[in-house]
Amino acid sequence: MTLMSQTPPDSKDDGLPNIGLRLRHERRARRLRLKDLADSSGCSESLLSRIENNLVIPSLTTLHRLCKTLEISVPELLSPPDETSCVVYREGQRPRYDNGGPVEGDGSMAEVLVPFEDGRLLEAHIWHVPADGKWCGPYQHFGEETGFVLEGALELKVKNDTYIIGTNDSFFFKSDLSHSYRCHGDRDCRVIWVNTPPTF
């Protein structure tokens, strides 16, 4: 039996990373449900939920299992927030998340534009959405979203309306409206997509 340290969510020591928030970010970036990560890591869904909400501090053994499933290292997860005044990602160097996993498996891929940090207000990616892919979604959460189509065309469904957004077109909608998307046509689509607050 693995022992966990109890700590209230508002008593995180200064200088320590927000482990729960970072774990949630990494899980959502890979489009994994809570159950997916819990099952793959050999811990209960309720325990993982408590870790993500900073109600417990995971043991090193549990942390290793979670990081192995997420394909990140424990030091990477525990590293302090980057205090660099400006982060520059050169072409080909942006972190990437594949969206071909067990949740959606649509083959899309996201390049990260805004590095993760506790308290960040924006989330931005370049989404590469393959032609002939299935619908991604529906999603519904707090916030706002905007985007700009760099190549191809995006089919976006917001609430009960469907929009075809072509190259050099942009869009905006409130995230609490049910929304889904997929590539439109036989050409792959690339979209700059910005969310606030971060949702992945």
C-alpha atoms as a PDB file:
ATOM      1  CA  MET A   1       0.000   0.000   0.000  1.00  0.00           C
ATOM      2  CA  THR A   2       1.397   3.412  -1.019  1.00  0.00           C
ATOM      3  CA  LEU A   3       1.130   6.174   1.563  1.00  0.00           C
ATOM      4  CA  MET A   4       0.180   9.685   0.521  1.00  0.00           C
ATOM      5  CA  SER A   5       0.854  12.955   2.309  1.00  0.00           C
ATOM      6  CA  GLN A   6      -2.221  15.020   3.021  1.00  0.00           C
ATOM      7  CA  THR A   7      -2.181  18.757   2.374  1.00  0.00           C
ATOM      8  CA  PRO A   8      -4.930  21.327   1.928  1.00  0.00           C
ATOM      9  CA  PRO A   9      -5.129  22.809  -1.579  1.00  0.00           C
ATOM     10  CA  ASP A  10      -4.268  26.340  -0.419  1.00  0.00           C
ATOM     11  CA  SER A  11      -1.156  25.471   1.565  1.00  0.00           C
ATOM     12  CA  LYS A  12       1.349  24.749  -1.214  1.00  0.00           C
ATOM     13  CA  ASP A  13       4.845  25.729  -0.082  1.00  0.00           C
ATOM     14  CA  ASP A  14       6.362  28.729  -1.832  1.00  0.00           C
ATOM     15  CA  GLY A  15       8.871  27.731  -4.485  1.00  0.00           C
ATOM     16  CA  LEU A  16       7.365  24.294  -5.099  1.00  0.00           C
ATOM     17  CA  PRO A  17       5.712  23.556  -8.422  1.00  0.00           C
ATOM     18  CA  ASN A  18       1.985  22.945  -8.572  1.00  0.00           C
ATOM     19  CA  ILE A  19       2.230  19.215  -9.267  1.00  0.00           C
ATOM     20  CA  GLY A  20      -1.513  18.669  -9.570  1.00  0.00           C
ATOM     21  CA  LEU A  21      -1.997  21.456 -12.093  1.00  0.00           C
ATOM     22  CA  ARG A  22       0.973  20.313 -14.155  1.00  0.00           C
ATOM     23  CA  LEU A  23      -0.243  16.708 -14.183  1.00  0.00           C
ATOM     24  CA  ARG A  24      -3.680  17.853 -15.342  1.00  0.00           C
ATOM     25  CA  HIS A  25      -2.076  19.971 -18.066  1.00  0.00           C
ATOM     26  CA  GLU A  26       0.021  17.057 -19.368  1.00  0.00           C
ATOM     27  CA  ARG A  27      -2.969  14.688 -19.279  1.00  0.00           C
ATOM     28  CA  ARG A  28      -5.284  17.065 -21.114  1.00  0.00           C
ATOM     29  CA  ALA A  29      -2.588  17.945 -23.638  1.00  0.00           C
ATOM     30  CA  ARG A  30      -2.643  14.269 -24.602  1.00  0.00           C
ATOM     31  CA  ARG A  31      -6.459  14.208 -24.606  1.00  0.00           C
ATOM     32  CA  LEU A  32      -6.511  11.528 -21.912  1.00  0.00           C
ATOM     33  CA  ARG A  33      -9.464  11.123 -19.610  1.00  0.00           C
ATOM     34  CA  LEU A  34      -8.851  10.864 -15.879  1.00  0.00           C
ATOM     35  CA  LYS A  35      -9.740   7.166 -16.122  1.00  0.00           C
ATOM     36  CA  ASP A  36      -7.276   6.580 -18.995  1.00  0.00           C
ATOM     37  CA  LEU A  37      -4.303   7.905 -17.034  1.00  0.00           C
ATOM     38  CA  ALA A  38      -5.384   6.231 -13.795  1.00  0.00           C
ATOM     39  CA  ASP A  39      -5.790   2.818 -15.448  1.00  0.00           C
ATOM     40  CA  SER A  40      -2.493   3.086 -17.354  1.00  0.00           C
ATOM     41  CA  SER A  41      -0.619   4.164 -14.228  1.00  0.00           C
ATOM     42  CA  GLY A  42      -2.079   1.598 -11.868  1.00  0.00           C
ATOM     43  CA  CYS A  43      -3.773   4.024  -9.496  1.00  0.00           C
ATOM     44  CA  SER A  44      -7.409   4.742  -8.778  1.00  0.00           C
ATOM     45  CA  GLU A  45      -9.350   7.431 -10.587  1.00  0.00           C
ATOM     46  CA  SER A  46     -10.337   9.015  -7.265  1.00  0.00           C
ATOM     47  CA  LEU A  47      -6.701   9.168  -6.132  1.00  0.00           C
ATOM     48  CA  LEU A  48      -5.621  10.815  -9.394  1.00  0.00           C
ATOM     49  CA  SER A  49      -8.430  13.347  -9.052  1.00  0.00           C
ATOM     50  CA  ARG A  50      -7.250  14.202  -5.538  1.00  0.00           C
ATOM     51  CA  ILE A  51      -3.657  14.590  -6.772  1.00  0.00           C
ATOM     52  CA  GLU A  52      -4.712  16.892  -9.622  1.00  0.00           C
ATOM     53  CA  ASN A  53      -6.723  19.004  -7.185  1.00  0.00           C
ATOM     54  CA  ASN A  54      -3.776  19.220  -4.739  1.00  0.00           C
ATOM     55  CA  LEU A  55      -5.625  17.345  -2.006  1.00  0.00           C
ATOM     56  CA  VAL A  56      -2.779  14.814  -1.691  1.00  0.00           C
ATOM     57  CA  ILE A  57       0.906  14.836  -2.578  1.00  0.00           C
ATOM     58  CA  PRO A  58       1.777  11.682  -4.542  1.00  0.00           C
ATOM     59  CA  SER A  59       4.544   9.378  -3.427  1.00  0.00           C
ATOM     60  CA  LEU A  60       7.621   9.182  -5.634  1.00  0.00           C
ATOM     61  CA  THR A  61       6.558   5.713  -6.790  1.00  0.00           C
ATOM     62  CA  THR A  62       3.154   6.986  -7.927  1.00  0.00           C
ATOM     63  CA  LEU A  63       4.784  10.009  -9.530  1.00  0.00           C
ATOM     64  CA  HIS A  64       7.151   7.766 -11.501  1.00  0.00           C
ATOM     65  CA  ARG A  65       4.242   5.670 -12.793  1.00  0.00           C
ATOM     66  CA  LEU A  66       2.262   8.752 -13.837  1.00  0.00           C
ATOM     67  CA  CYS A  67       5.245  10.331 -15.584  1.00  0.00           C
ATOM     68  CA  LYS A  68       6.077   7.087 -17.386  1.00  0.00           C
ATOM     69  CA  THR A  69       2.540   6.929 -18.780  1.00  0.00           C
ATOM     70  CA  LEU A  70       2.697  10.600 -19.811  1.00  0.00           C
ATOM     71  CA  GLU A  71       6.191  10.076 -21.293  1.00  0.00           C
ATOM     72  CA  ILE A  72       7.775  12.871 -19.271  1.00  0.00           C
ATOM     73  CA  SER A  73      10.457  12.757 -16.581  1.00  0.00           C
ATOM     74  CA  VAL A  74       9.877  13.427 -12.893  1.00  0.00           C
ATOM     75  CA  PRO A  75      12.507  16.234 -12.865  1.00  0.00           C
ATOM     76  CA  GLU A  76      10.703  17.868 -15.777  1.00  0.00           C
ATOM     77  CA  LEU A  77       7.438  17.776 -13.843  1.00  0.00           C
ATOM     78  CA  LEU A  78       9.051  19.103 -10.660  1.00  0.00           C
ATOM     79  CA  SER A  79      11.188  21.798 -12.282  1.00  0.00           C
ATOM     80  CA  PRO A  80      10.392  25.362 -11.168  1.00  0.00           C
ATOM     81  CA  PRO A  81       8.449  27.645 -13.542  1.00  0.00           C
ATOM     82  CA  ASP A  82      10.524  29.226 -16.286  1.00  0.00           C
ATOM     83  CA  GLU A  83      11.177  32.863 -15.394  1.00  0.00           C
ATOM     84  CA  THR A  84      12.559  33.756 -18.840  1.00  0.00           C
ATOM     85  CA  SER A  85      11.160  37.124 -19.903  1.00  0.00           C
ATOM     86  CA  CYS A  86      10.550  35.911 -23.470  1.00  0.00           C
ATOM     87  CA  VAL A  87      10.279  32.346 -24.774  1.00  0.00           C
ATOM     88  CA  VAL A  88      11.217  31.824 -28.423  1.00  0.00           C
ATOM     89  CA  TYR A  89      10.468  28.542 -30.185  1.00  0.00           C
ATOM     90  CA  ARG A  90      12.398  28.239 -33.453  1.00  0.00           C
ATOM     91  CA  GLU A  91      10.862  26.424 -36.399  1.00  0.00           C
ATOM     92  CA  GLY A  92      10.922  22.700 -35.723  1.00  0.00           C
ATOM     93  CA  GLN A  93      11.658  23.175 -32.005  1.00  0.00           C
ATOM     94  CA  ARG A  94       8.137  23.740 -30.649  1.00  0.00           C
ATOM     95  CA  PRO A  95       6.871  21.004 -28.283  1.00  0.00           C
ATOM     96  CA  ARG A  96       4.307  18.802 -30.026  1.00  0.00           C
ATOM     97  CA  TYR A  97       1.357  16.769 -28.838  1.00  0.00           C
ATOM     98  CA  ASP A  98      -0.087  14.041 -31.021  1.00  0.00           C
ATOM     99  CA  ASN A  99      -3.838  13.599 -30.904  1.00  0.00           C
ATOM    100  CA  GLY A 100      -3.851  10.038 -32.151  1.00  0.00           C
ATOM    101  CA  GLY A 101      -4.388   8.420 -28.770  1.00  0.00           C
ATOM    102  CA  PRO A 102      -7.211   6.381 -27.266  1.00  0.00           C
ATOM    103  CA  VAL A 103      -9.655   9.260 -26.754  1.00  0.00           C
ATOM    104  CA  GLU A 104     -10.052  10.645 -30.248  1.00  0.00           C
ATOM    105  CA  GLY A 105      -7.462   9.009 -32.467  1.00  0.00           C
ATOM    106  CA  ASP A 106      -8.081  11.502 -35.274  1.00  0.00           C
ATOM    107  CA  GLY A 107      -4.393  11.841 -36.110  1.00  0.00           C
ATOM    108  CA  SER A 108      -4.174  15.584 -35.498  1.00  0.00           C
ATOM    109  CA  MET A 109      -1.104  17.189 -33.916  1.00  0.00           C
ATOM    110  CA  ALA A 110      -0.607  20.402 -31.949  1.00  0.00           C
ATOM    111  CA  GLU A 111       2.507  22.578 -31.817  1.00  0.00           C
ATOM    112  CA  VAL A 112       2.732  24.528 -28.566  1.00  0.00           C
ATOM    113  CA  LEU A 113       3.029  28.319 -28.920  1.00  0.00           C
ATOM    114  CA  VAL A 114       2.619  29.300 -25.254  1.00  0.00           C
ATOM    115  CA  PRO A 115       4.762  27.308 -22.767  1.00  0.00           C
ATOM    116  CA  PHE A 116       2.993  25.916 -19.729  1.00  0.00           C
ATOM    117  CA  GLU A 117       3.316  27.813 -16.443  1.00  0.00           C
ATOM    118  CA  ASP A 118       1.169  28.039 -13.318  1.00  0.00           C
ATOM    119  CA  GLY A 119      -1.298  30.902 -13.559  1.00  0.00           C
ATOM    120  CA  ARG A 120      -0.914  31.450 -17.293  1.00  0.00           C
ATOM    121  CA  LEU A 121      -3.969  33.070 -18.910  1.00  0.00           C
ATOM    122  CA  LEU A 122      -3.466  32.044 -22.538  1.00  0.00           C
ATOM    123  CA  GLU A 123      -3.098  28.733 -24.324  1.00  0.00           C
ATOM    124  CA  ALA A 124      -2.161  28.673 -27.994  1.00  0.00           C
ATOM    125  CA  HIS A 125      -1.307  25.956 -30.505  1.00  0.00           C
ATOM    126  CA  ILE A 126      -0.862  25.394 -34.197  1.00  0.00           C
ATOM    127  CA  TRP A 127      -3.225  22.508 -34.884  1.00  0.00           C
ATOM    128  CA  HIS A 128      -2.428  20.212 -37.818  1.00  0.00           C
ATOM    129  CA  VAL A 129      -5.724  18.522 -38.711  1.00  0.00           C
ATOM    130  CA  PRO A 130      -5.570  15.758 -41.340  1.00  0.00           C
ATOM    131  CA  ALA A 131      -8.029  15.554 -44.221  1.00  0.00           C
ATOM    132  CA  ASP A 132     -10.845  13.005 -43.995  1.00  0.00           C
ATOM    133  CA  GLY A 133     -10.577  12.922 -40.194  1.00  0.00           C
ATOM    134  CA  LYS A 134     -13.504  12.380 -37.863  1.00  0.00           C
ATOM    135  CA  TRP A 135     -15.142  15.081 -35.737  1.00  0.00           C
ATOM    136  CA  CYS A 136     -13.191  16.133 -32.629  1.00  0.00           C
ATOM    137  CA  GLY A 137     -15.542  16.885 -29.780  1.00  0.00           C
ATOM    138  CA  PRO A 138     -18.023  17.974 -28.757  1.00  0.00           C
ATOM    139  CA  TYR A 139     -16.331  20.090 -26.077  1.00  0.00           C
ATOM    140  CA  GLN A 140     -17.928  22.511 -23.636  1.00  0.00           C
ATOM    141  CA  HIS A 141     -16.077  24.432 -20.933  1.00  0.00           C
ATOM    142  CA  PHE A 142     -15.542  27.900 -19.515  1.00  0.00           C
ATOM    143  CA  GLY A 143     -13.627  30.482 -21.565  1.00  0.00           C
ATOM    144  CA  GLU A 144     -13.226  31.959 -25.036  1.00  0.00           C
ATOM    145  CA  GLU A 145     -11.501  30.747 -28.206  1.00  0.00           C
ATOM    146  CA  THR A 146     -10.222  32.343 -31.373  1.00  0.00           C
ATOM    147  CA  GLY A 147      -8.354  31.011 -34.362  1.00  0.00           C
ATOM    148  CA  PHE A 148      -6.873  31.729 -37.774  1.00  0.00           C
ATOM    149  CA  VAL A 149      -6.687  29.167 -40.593  1.00  0.00           C
ATOM    150  CA  LEU A 150      -3.196  29.070 -42.106  1.00  0.00           C
ATOM    151  CA  GLU A 151      -3.805  26.339 -44.692  1.00  0.00           C
ATOM    152  CA  GLY A 152      -6.756  24.313 -45.946  1.00  0.00           C
ATOM    153  CA  ALA A 153     -10.213  24.693 -44.460  1.00  0.00           C
ATOM    154  CA  LEU A 154     -11.728  23.958 -41.074  1.00  0.00           C
ATOM    155  CA  GLU A 155     -15.276  22.756 -40.478  1.00  0.00           C
ATOM    156  CA  LEU A 156     -16.380  24.162 -37.123  1.00  0.00           C
ATOM    157  CA  LYS A 157     -19.644  23.318 -35.385  1.00  0.00           C
ATOM    158  CA  VAL A 158     -20.706  25.689 -32.573  1.00  0.00           C
ATOM    159  CA  LYS A 159     -23.971  24.896 -30.850  1.00  0.00           C
ATOM    160  CA  ASN A 160     -26.343  24.086 -33.736  1.00  0.00           C
ATOM    161  CA  ASP A 161     -24.515  25.954 -36.499  1.00  0.00           C
ATOM    162  CA  THR A 162     -21.747  24.706 -38.813  1.00  0.00           C
ATOM    163  CA  TYR A 163     -19.166  26.998 -40.416  1.00  0.00           C
ATOM    164  CA  ILE A 164     -16.604  26.388 -43.156  1.00  0.00           C
ATOM    165  CA  ILE A 165     -13.553  28.513 -42.353  1.00  0.00           C
ATOM    166  CA  GLY A 166     -11.114  28.804 -45.224  1.00  0.00           C
ATOM    167  CA  THR A 167      -7.470  29.849 -45.549  1.00  0.00           C
ATOM    168  CA  ASN A 168      -6.845  33.307 -44.043  1.00  0.00           C
ATOM    169  CA  ASP A 169     -10.268  33.287 -42.340  1.00  0.00           C
ATOM    170  CA  SER A 170     -10.589  33.651 -38.575  1.00  0.00           C
ATOM    171  CA  PHE A 171     -13.167  32.676 -35.953  1.00  0.00           C
ATOM    172  CA  PHE A 172     -14.193  33.405 -32.359  1.00  0.00           C
ATOM    173  CA  PHE A 173     -16.686  31.770 -30.000  1.00  0.00           C
ATOM    174  CA  LYS A 174     -17.429  31.338 -26.304  1.00  0.00           C
ATOM    175  CA  SER A 175     -16.220  27.965 -25.063  1.00  0.00           C
ATOM    176  CA  ASP A 176     -19.312  27.285 -22.952  1.00  0.00           C
ATOM    177  CA  LEU A 177     -21.165  26.620 -26.227  1.00  0.00           C
ATOM    178  CA  SER A 178     -20.878  23.024 -27.396  1.00  0.00           C
ATOM    179  CA  HIS A 179     -18.265  22.887 -30.181  1.00  0.00           C
ATOM    180  CA  SER A 180     -16.625  20.360 -32.486  1.00  0.00           C
ATOM    181  CA  TYR A 181     -14.254  20.580 -35.429  1.00  0.00           C
ATOM    182  CA  ARG A 182     -12.685  18.619 -38.276  1.00  0.00           C
ATOM    183  CA  CYS A 183     -10.787  19.266 -41.488  1.00  0.00           C
ATOM    184  CA  HIS A 184     -12.954  20.242 -44.463  1.00  0.00           C
ATOM    185  CA  GLY A 185     -12.067  18.917 -47.892  1.00  0.00           C
ATOM    186  CA  ASP A 186      -9.231  16.731 -49.154  1.00  0.00           C
ATOM    187  CA  ARG A 187      -6.380  18.996 -48.036  1.00  0.00           C
ATOM    188  CA  ASP A 188      -4.850  18.960 -44.549  1.00  0.00           C
ATOM    189  CA  CYS A 189      -5.662  21.977 -42.393  1.00  0.00           C
ATOM    190  CA  ARG A 190      -3.388  24.101 -40.182  1.00  0.00           C
ATOM    191  CA  VAL A 191      -4.946  26.428 -37.626  1.00  0.00           C
ATOM    192  CA  ILE A 192      -3.564  28.839 -35.037  1.00  0.00           C
ATOM    193  CA  TRP A 193      -5.908  28.204 -32.095  1.00  0.00           C
ATOM    194  CA  VAL A 194      -5.933  30.306 -28.913  1.00  0.00           C
ATOM    195  CA  ASN A 195      -7.854  29.578 -25.700  1.00  0.00           C
ATOM    196  CA  THR A 196      -8.291  31.536 -22.510  1.00  0.00           C
ATOM    197  CA  PRO A 197      -8.108  30.250 -19.862  1.00  0.00           C
ATOM    198  CA  PRO A 198      -5.970  27.169 -20.658  1.00  0.00           C
ATOM    199  CA  THR A 199      -8.119  24.071 -21.026  1.00  0.00           C
ATOM    200  CA  PHE A 200      -5.643  21.293 -21.925  1.00  0.00           C
END
